């Protein structure tokens, strides 16, 4: 949970409004009912993993760009995430400079 708060603080310092969800069910719900500019999604979430969340929101017509940010860094994991509907995939550990550049790009 601490890592999410650090990411939130960094993004807010750059002028972004940030909502945090700590499980896939809640995150999927928020993605469907709110109009976000970007969704930063971890793969390893309780209740529903990030792959499930990404597939479900895409099936429900949510076209918000999705950046998967996760510790899973194999080529297979990246392909799986992108095939699930993610627009970008970033492995941990990461630099905040790179994260912010990817956020700006999406």
N, C-alpha and C. Protein backbone atom coordinates (compact mmCIF):
# COMPACT_ATOMS: atom_id res chain seq x y z
N UNK A 1 0.82 -1.19 0.00
CA UNK A 1 0.00 0.00 0.00
C UNK A 1 0.87 1.27 0.00
N UNK A 2 2.00 1.18 0.64
CA UNK A 2 2.89 2.34 0.71
C UNK A 2 3.34 2.79 -0.67
N UNK A 3 3.66 1.85 -1.56
CA UNK A 3 4.11 2.20 -2.91
C UNK A 3 3.03 2.99 -3.64
N UNK A 4 1.79 2.61 -3.48
CA UNK A 4 0.69 3.33 -4.12
C UNK A 4 0.64 4.77 -3.64
N UNK A 5 0.86 5.00 -2.37
CA UNK A 5 0.83 6.36 -1.82
C UNK A 5 1.98 7.21 -2.39
N UNK A 6 3.15 6.59 -2.55
CA UNK A 6 4.29 7.32 -3.12
C UNK A 6 3.98 7.71 -4.57
N UNK A 7 3.45 6.75 -5.35
CA UNK A 7 3.09 7.06 -6.75
C UNK A 7 2.03 8.16 -6.78
N UNK A 8 1.06 8.08 -5.88
CA UNK A 8 0.01 9.10 -5.82
C UNK A 8 0.62 10.47 -5.57
N UNK A 9 1.53 10.55 -4.61
CA UNK A 9 2.15 11.84 -4.28
C UNK A 9 2.93 12.41 -5.46
N UNK A 10 3.72 11.57 -6.11
CA UNK A 10 4.51 12.02 -7.27
C UNK A 10 3.60 12.52 -8.38
N UNK A 11 2.55 11.78 -8.68
CA UNK A 11 1.62 12.18 -9.74
C UNK A 11 0.88 13.46 -9.36
N UNK A 12 0.48 13.59 -8.11
CA UNK A 12 -0.21 14.80 -7.68
C UNK A 12 0.71 16.02 -7.75
N UNK A 13 1.98 15.83 -7.43
CA UNK A 13 2.94 16.94 -7.52
C UNK A 13 3.11 17.41 -8.96
N UNK A 14 2.82 16.54 -9.91
CA UNK A 14 2.87 16.91 -11.33
C UNK A 14 1.53 17.46 -11.83
N UNK A 15 0.57 17.61 -10.93
CA UNK A 15 -0.71 18.22 -11.29
C UNK A 15 -1.82 17.26 -11.64
N UNK A 16 -1.63 15.96 -11.39
CA UNK A 16 -2.64 14.97 -11.72
C UNK A 16 -3.54 14.69 -10.51
N UNK A 17 -4.82 14.51 -10.76
CA UNK A 17 -5.75 14.02 -9.73
C UNK A 17 -5.63 12.50 -9.73
N UNK A 18 -5.58 11.89 -8.55
CA UNK A 18 -5.32 10.45 -8.45
C UNK A 18 -6.29 9.79 -7.49
N UNK A 19 -6.93 8.72 -7.96
CA UNK A 19 -7.72 7.83 -7.10
C UNK A 19 -6.93 6.54 -6.95
N UNK A 20 -7.00 5.93 -5.78
CA UNK A 20 -6.32 4.66 -5.54
C UNK A 20 -7.34 3.60 -5.17
N UNK A 21 -7.16 2.43 -5.74
CA UNK A 21 -7.95 1.26 -5.37
C UNK A 21 -6.97 0.16 -5.01
N UNK A 22 -7.27 -0.59 -3.97
CA UNK A 22 -6.34 -1.61 -3.50
C UNK A 22 -6.74 -3.02 -3.89
N UNK A 23 -7.80 -3.17 -4.68
CA UNK A 23 -8.14 -4.51 -5.19
C UNK A 23 -8.79 -4.38 -6.56
N UNK A 24 -8.76 -5.48 -7.30
CA UNK A 24 -9.23 -5.47 -8.67
C UNK A 24 -10.72 -5.23 -8.83
N UNK A 25 -11.52 -5.72 -7.91
CA UNK A 25 -12.97 -5.50 -8.02
C UNK A 25 -13.29 -4.01 -7.92
N UNK A 26 -12.73 -3.35 -6.91
CA UNK A 26 -12.99 -1.93 -6.72
C UNK A 26 -12.40 -1.12 -7.87
N UNK A 27 -11.19 -1.49 -8.31
CA UNK A 27 -10.56 -0.78 -9.41
C UNK A 27 -11.36 -0.88 -10.70
N UNK A 28 -11.88 -2.07 -10.99
CA UNK A 28 -12.71 -2.24 -12.17
C UNK A 28 -13.97 -1.40 -12.10
N UNK A 29 -14.58 -1.37 -10.91
CA UNK A 29 -15.78 -0.55 -10.72
C UNK A 29 -15.46 0.93 -10.95
N UNK A 30 -14.38 1.43 -10.34
CA UNK A 30 -14.00 2.84 -10.52
C UNK A 30 -13.74 3.16 -11.99
N UNK A 31 -13.09 2.24 -12.70
CA UNK A 31 -12.80 2.47 -14.12
C UNK A 31 -14.06 2.57 -14.96
N UNK A 32 -15.10 1.87 -14.55
CA UNK A 32 -16.35 1.89 -15.31
C UNK A 32 -17.22 3.10 -15.00
N UNK A 33 -17.16 3.62 -13.78
CA UNK A 33 -18.08 4.70 -13.39
C UNK A 33 -17.45 6.09 -13.45
N UNK A 34 -16.13 6.17 -13.60
CA UNK A 34 -15.46 7.46 -13.66
C UNK A 34 -14.84 7.66 -15.04
N UNK A 35 -14.66 8.90 -15.40
CA UNK A 35 -14.06 9.25 -16.69
C UNK A 35 -12.60 9.65 -16.43
N UNK A 36 -11.71 8.68 -16.50
CA UNK A 36 -10.30 8.93 -16.25
C UNK A 36 -9.55 9.21 -17.54
N UNK A 37 -8.43 9.94 -17.42
CA UNK A 37 -7.54 10.16 -18.56
C UNK A 37 -6.58 8.99 -18.72
N UNK A 38 -6.30 8.27 -17.62
CA UNK A 38 -5.35 7.16 -17.63
C UNK A 38 -5.63 6.26 -16.43
N UNK A 39 -5.45 4.96 -16.65
CA UNK A 39 -5.53 3.98 -15.57
C UNK A 39 -4.16 3.33 -15.43
N UNK A 40 -3.57 3.42 -14.25
CA UNK A 40 -2.32 2.73 -13.95
C UNK A 40 -2.72 1.49 -13.16
N UNK A 41 -2.40 0.33 -13.71
CA UNK A 41 -2.94 -0.92 -13.20
C UNK A 41 -1.83 -1.91 -12.88
N UNK A 42 -1.85 -2.44 -11.66
CA UNK A 42 -0.91 -3.49 -11.26
C UNK A 42 -1.50 -4.84 -11.65
N UNK A 43 -0.65 -5.79 -11.96
CA UNK A 43 -1.15 -7.13 -12.29
C UNK A 43 -1.54 -7.92 -11.05
N UNK A 44 -0.78 -7.77 -9.98
CA UNK A 44 -0.98 -8.61 -8.80
C UNK A 44 -1.85 -7.89 -7.77
N UNK A 45 -3.15 -7.96 -8.01
CA UNK A 45 -4.13 -7.34 -7.12
C UNK A 45 -4.98 -8.43 -6.47
N UNK A 46 -5.45 -8.18 -5.25
CA UNK A 46 -6.38 -9.14 -4.65
C UNK A 46 -7.75 -9.08 -5.33
N UNK A 47 -8.50 -10.12 -5.18
CA UNK A 47 -9.86 -10.29 -5.69
C UNK A 47 -9.92 -10.52 -7.19
N UNK A 48 -9.35 -9.63 -7.99
CA UNK A 48 -9.22 -9.79 -9.44
C UNK A 48 -7.85 -9.26 -9.83
N UNK A 49 -7.12 -10.02 -10.64
CA UNK A 49 -5.81 -9.52 -11.04
C UNK A 49 -5.95 -8.48 -12.16
N UNK A 50 -4.86 -7.80 -12.44
CA UNK A 50 -4.88 -6.73 -13.43
C UNK A 50 -5.27 -7.18 -14.83
N UNK A 51 -4.91 -8.40 -15.20
CA UNK A 51 -5.30 -8.93 -16.52
C UNK A 51 -6.82 -9.03 -16.59
N UNK A 52 -7.43 -9.60 -15.54
CA UNK A 52 -8.89 -9.72 -15.52
C UNK A 52 -9.55 -8.35 -15.58
N UNK A 53 -9.05 -7.42 -14.79
CA UNK A 53 -9.63 -6.08 -14.75
C UNK A 53 -9.53 -5.43 -16.13
N UNK A 54 -8.37 -5.51 -16.75
CA UNK A 54 -8.18 -4.88 -18.06
C UNK A 54 -9.12 -5.49 -19.10
N UNK A 55 -9.18 -6.81 -19.14
CA UNK A 55 -10.09 -7.46 -20.10
C UNK A 55 -11.54 -7.04 -19.88
N UNK A 56 -11.96 -7.05 -18.61
CA UNK A 56 -13.36 -6.72 -18.30
C UNK A 56 -13.71 -5.28 -18.66
N UNK A 57 -12.82 -4.35 -18.35
CA UNK A 57 -13.17 -2.96 -18.67
C UNK A 57 -13.17 -2.74 -20.18
N UNK A 58 -12.30 -3.42 -20.90
CA UNK A 58 -12.30 -3.32 -22.36
C UNK A 58 -13.58 -3.92 -22.94
N UNK A 59 -14.01 -5.06 -22.39
CA UNK A 59 -15.26 -5.69 -22.85
C UNK A 59 -16.47 -4.80 -22.58
N UNK A 60 -16.39 -3.97 -21.56
CA UNK A 60 -17.49 -3.08 -21.20
C UNK A 60 -17.39 -1.72 -21.87
N UNK A 61 -16.44 -1.59 -22.79
CA UNK A 61 -16.36 -0.37 -23.58
C UNK A 61 -15.54 0.75 -22.99
N UNK A 62 -14.78 0.49 -21.93
CA UNK A 62 -13.92 1.52 -21.36
C UNK A 62 -12.67 1.61 -22.23
N UNK A 63 -12.47 2.76 -22.85
CA UNK A 63 -11.35 2.96 -23.78
C UNK A 63 -10.22 3.79 -23.19
N UNK A 64 -10.30 4.09 -21.90
CA UNK A 64 -9.26 4.86 -21.23
C UNK A 64 -7.92 4.15 -21.39
N UNK A 65 -6.86 4.88 -21.72
CA UNK A 65 -5.55 4.24 -21.81
C UNK A 65 -5.17 3.55 -20.49
N UNK A 66 -4.57 2.37 -20.61
CA UNK A 66 -4.15 1.59 -19.44
C UNK A 66 -2.64 1.39 -19.51
N UNK A 67 -1.97 1.77 -18.42
CA UNK A 67 -0.55 1.50 -18.24
C UNK A 67 -0.42 0.44 -17.16
N UNK A 68 0.05 -0.73 -17.53
CA UNK A 68 0.29 -1.77 -16.53
C UNK A 68 1.65 -1.52 -15.91
N UNK A 69 1.68 -1.46 -14.60
CA UNK A 69 2.90 -1.21 -13.84
C UNK A 69 3.04 -2.34 -12.84
N UNK A 70 3.99 -3.24 -13.06
CA UNK A 70 4.02 -4.48 -12.30
C UNK A 70 5.42 -5.03 -12.14
N UNK A 71 5.59 -5.90 -11.17
CA UNK A 71 6.87 -6.58 -10.95
C UNK A 71 7.09 -7.71 -11.94
N UNK A 72 6.06 -8.13 -12.62
CA UNK A 72 6.17 -9.24 -13.58
C UNK A 72 6.76 -8.69 -14.86
N UNK A 73 7.97 -9.16 -15.19
CA UNK A 73 8.71 -8.52 -16.27
C UNK A 73 9.15 -9.45 -17.40
N UNK A 74 8.63 -10.65 -17.47
CA UNK A 74 9.01 -11.52 -18.58
C UNK A 74 8.34 -11.06 -19.87
N UNK A 75 8.89 -11.44 -20.99
CA UNK A 75 8.29 -11.09 -22.27
C UNK A 75 6.87 -11.65 -22.33
N UNK A 76 6.69 -12.87 -21.84
CA UNK A 76 5.36 -13.49 -21.83
C UNK A 76 4.37 -12.65 -21.03
N UNK A 77 4.79 -12.14 -19.87
CA UNK A 77 3.91 -11.29 -19.05
C UNK A 77 3.54 -10.01 -19.80
N UNK A 78 4.52 -9.41 -20.44
CA UNK A 78 4.26 -8.17 -21.19
C UNK A 78 3.28 -8.41 -22.33
N UNK A 79 3.50 -9.49 -23.08
CA UNK A 79 2.60 -9.81 -24.18
C UNK A 79 1.20 -10.09 -23.66
N UNK A 80 1.11 -10.82 -22.56
CA UNK A 80 -0.19 -11.15 -21.96
C UNK A 80 -0.92 -9.87 -21.56
N UNK A 81 -0.21 -8.93 -20.93
CA UNK A 81 -0.83 -7.67 -20.52
C UNK A 81 -1.29 -6.83 -21.69
N UNK A 82 -0.45 -6.74 -22.71
CA UNK A 82 -0.83 -5.96 -23.89
C UNK A 82 -1.98 -6.62 -24.64
N UNK A 83 -1.97 -7.94 -24.72
CA UNK A 83 -3.07 -8.65 -25.37
C UNK A 83 -4.38 -8.52 -24.60
N UNK A 84 -4.30 -8.28 -23.30
CA UNK A 84 -5.50 -8.10 -22.49
C UNK A 84 -6.13 -6.73 -22.71
N UNK A 85 -5.38 -5.82 -23.38
CA UNK A 85 -5.94 -4.51 -23.67
C UNK A 85 -5.15 -3.34 -23.14
N UNK A 86 -4.01 -3.61 -22.47
CA UNK A 86 -3.19 -2.50 -21.97
C UNK A 86 -2.56 -1.75 -23.14
N UNK A 87 -2.36 -0.47 -22.96
CA UNK A 87 -1.73 0.36 -23.98
C UNK A 87 -0.22 0.45 -23.80
N UNK A 88 0.23 0.20 -22.58
CA UNK A 88 1.66 0.23 -22.28
C UNK A 88 1.90 -0.69 -21.09
N UNK A 89 3.15 -1.10 -20.91
CA UNK A 89 3.50 -2.06 -19.86
C UNK A 89 4.86 -1.64 -19.33
N UNK A 90 4.93 -1.45 -18.03
CA UNK A 90 6.17 -1.00 -17.39
C UNK A 90 6.47 -1.90 -16.21
N UNK A 91 7.70 -2.42 -16.17
CA UNK A 91 8.08 -3.35 -15.11
C UNK A 91 8.75 -2.61 -13.95
N UNK A 92 8.50 -3.10 -12.73
CA UNK A 92 9.19 -2.61 -11.55
C UNK A 92 10.51 -3.37 -11.43
N UNK A 93 11.54 -2.77 -10.89
CA UNK A 93 11.58 -1.40 -10.40
C UNK A 93 11.59 -0.41 -11.56
N UNK A 94 11.13 0.78 -11.30
CA UNK A 94 11.02 1.79 -12.35
C UNK A 94 11.49 3.12 -11.80
N UNK A 95 11.82 4.03 -12.70
CA UNK A 95 12.16 5.39 -12.28
C UNK A 95 10.90 6.24 -12.40
N UNK A 96 10.76 7.17 -11.50
CA UNK A 96 9.59 8.06 -11.57
C UNK A 96 9.66 8.95 -12.80
N UNK A 97 10.86 9.28 -13.27
CA UNK A 97 10.98 10.06 -14.51
C UNK A 97 10.37 9.31 -15.67
N UNK A 98 10.66 8.01 -15.77
CA UNK A 98 10.10 7.22 -16.86
C UNK A 98 8.60 7.07 -16.70
N UNK A 99 8.14 6.83 -15.47
CA UNK A 99 6.70 6.73 -15.24
C UNK A 99 5.99 8.01 -15.69
N UNK A 100 6.52 9.16 -15.29
CA UNK A 100 5.88 10.42 -15.67
C UNK A 100 5.90 10.64 -17.18
N UNK A 101 6.99 10.23 -17.84
CA UNK A 101 7.05 10.36 -19.31
C UNK A 101 6.00 9.48 -19.97
N UNK A 102 5.81 8.27 -19.47
CA UNK A 102 4.81 7.38 -20.05
C UNK A 102 3.39 7.91 -19.78
N UNK A 103 3.18 8.47 -18.59
CA UNK A 103 1.88 9.07 -18.28
C UNK A 103 1.59 10.21 -19.26
N UNK A 104 2.59 11.05 -19.50
CA UNK A 104 2.40 12.17 -20.45
C UNK A 104 2.12 11.63 -21.85
N UNK A 105 2.80 10.58 -22.24
CA UNK A 105 2.64 10.02 -23.58
C UNK A 105 1.25 9.43 -23.79
N UNK A 106 0.71 8.83 -22.75
CA UNK A 106 -0.62 8.21 -22.88
C UNK A 106 -1.72 9.23 -22.66
